[in-house]
C-alpha atoms as a PDB file:
ATOM      1  CA  MET A   1      47.179 -31.805 118.504  1.00  0.00           C
ATOM      2  CA  ASN A   2      44.770 -28.954 117.924  1.00  0.00           C
ATOM      3  CA  GLU A   3      47.626 -26.565 117.097  1.00  0.00           C
ATOM      4  CA  LEU A   4      48.684 -28.688 114.138  1.00  0.00           C
ATOM      5  CA  PRO A   5      46.925 -29.245 110.803  1.00  0.00           C
ATOM      6  CA  GLN A   6      44.611 -32.236 110.492  1.00  0.00           C
ATOM      7  CA  ASP A   7      45.490 -32.966 106.860  1.00  0.00           C
ATOM      8  CA  PRO A   8      48.323 -35.549 106.857  1.00  0.00           C
ATOM      9  CA  MET A   9      50.469 -33.775 104.261  1.00  0.00           C
ATOM     10  CA  MET A  10      50.067 -30.410 105.954  1.00  0.00           C
ATOM     11  CA  LEU A  11      50.821 -32.065 109.297  1.00  0.00           C
ATOM     12  CA  TYR A  12      53.989 -33.602 107.836  1.00  0.00           C
ATOM     13  CA  SER A  13      55.104 -30.219 106.510  1.00  0.00           C
ATOM     14  CA  ALA A  14      54.267 -28.298 109.701  1.00  0.00           C
ATOM     15  CA  VAL A  15      55.994 -30.794 111.998  1.00  0.00           C
ATOM     16  CA  ASN A  16      59.145 -30.910 109.880  1.00  0.00           C
ATOM     17  CA  MET A  17      59.255 -27.120 109.739  1.00  0.00           C
ATOM     18  CA  LYS A  18      58.970 -26.914 113.533  1.00  0.00           C
ATOM     19  CA  LEU A  19      61.646 -29.587 113.963  1.00  0.00           C
ATOM     20  CA  ARG A  20      63.959 -27.729 111.606  1.00  0.00           C
ATOM     21  CA  ASP A  21      63.371 -24.247 113.014  1.00  0.00           C
ATOM     22  CA  ARG A  22      62.650 -24.672 116.728  1.00  0.00           C
ATOM     23  CA  TYR A  23      63.216 -28.120 118.192  1.00  0.00           C
ATOM     24  CA  ASN A  24      66.223 -30.399 118.549  1.00  0.00           C
ATOM     25  CA  SER A  25      64.121 -33.540 118.832  1.00  0.00           C
ATOM     26  CA  LEU A  26      60.633 -34.926 118.404  1.00  0.00           C
ATOM     27  CA  ASP A  27      60.420 -35.406 122.172  1.00  0.00           C
ATOM     28  CA  GLU A  28      61.132 -31.699 122.703  1.00  0.00           C
ATOM     29  CA  LEU A  29      58.452 -30.690 120.182  1.00  0.00           C
ATOM     30  CA  CYS A  30      55.870 -33.032 121.720  1.00  0.00           C
ATOM     31  CA  ALA A  31      56.608 -31.876 125.258  1.00  0.00           C
ATOM     32  CA  ASP A  32      56.383 -28.200 124.322  1.00  0.00           C
ATOM     33  CA  LEU A  33      53.142 -28.591 122.356  1.00  0.00           C
ATOM     34  CA  ALA A  34      51.633 -31.178 124.751  1.00  0.00           C
ATOM     35  CA  ILE A  35      51.327 -33.762 121.969  1.00  0.00           C
ATOM     36  CA  ASP A  36      51.340 -37.521 122.386  1.00  0.00           C
ATOM     37  CA  ARG A  37      54.401 -38.634 120.418  1.00  0.00           C
ATOM     38  CA  ARG A  38      52.960 -42.084 119.707  1.00  0.00           C
ATOM     39  CA  GLU A  39      49.782 -40.569 118.293  1.00  0.00           C
ATOM     40  CA  LEU A  40      51.729 -38.170 116.074  1.00  0.00           C
ATOM     41  CA  GLU A  41      54.024 -40.923 114.795  1.00  0.00           C
ATOM     42  CA  LYS A  42      51.022 -43.186 114.179  1.00  0.00           C
ATOM     43  CA  ARG A  43      49.169 -40.517 112.186  1.00  0.00           C
ATOM     44  CA  LEU A  44      52.189 -39.856 110.004  1.00  0.00           C
ATOM     45  CA  ALA A  45      53.023 -43.558 109.635  1.00  0.00           C
ATOM     46  CA  GLU A  46      49.521 -44.122 108.247  1.00  0.00           C
ATOM     47  CA  VAL A  47      50.510 -42.040 105.216  1.00  0.00           C
ATOM     48  CA  GLY A  48      53.992 -43.522 104.893  1.00  0.00           C
ATOM     49  CA  PHE A  49      56.255 -41.271 106.972  1.00  0.00           C
ATOM     50  CA  GLU A  50      58.588 -42.279 109.780  1.00  0.00           C
ATOM     51  CA  TYR A  51      60.705 -40.200 112.127  1.00  0.00           C
ATOM     52  CA  SER A  52      64.486 -40.253 111.876  1.00  0.00           C
ATOM     53  CA  GLU A  53      66.210 -39.206 115.092  1.00  0.00           C
ATOM     54  CA  LYS A  54      69.486 -38.875 113.207  1.00  0.00           C
ATOM     55  CA  LEU A  55      67.991 -36.402 110.741  1.00  0.00           C
ATOM     56  CA  ASN A  56      65.428 -34.974 113.208  1.00  0.00           C
ATOM     57  CA  LYS A  57      62.652 -35.109 110.643  1.00  0.00           C
ATOM     58  CA  PHE A  58      59.914 -37.261 109.188  1.00  0.00           C
ATOM     59  CA  TRP A  59      60.640 -38.766 105.801  1.00  0.00           C
END
């Protein structure tokens, strides 16, 4: 996850921007960036965000 910001709010913003602009799913983003999906979801859940597959974003 070195390509993504460490700050949780910046991470939230960066991931949602990438999901909106480049990726059709969280799995696609994680595979392309070699990120552990569980780790990413855990980090964002710690600050109150969860991923919606229907909306393809964290909220």
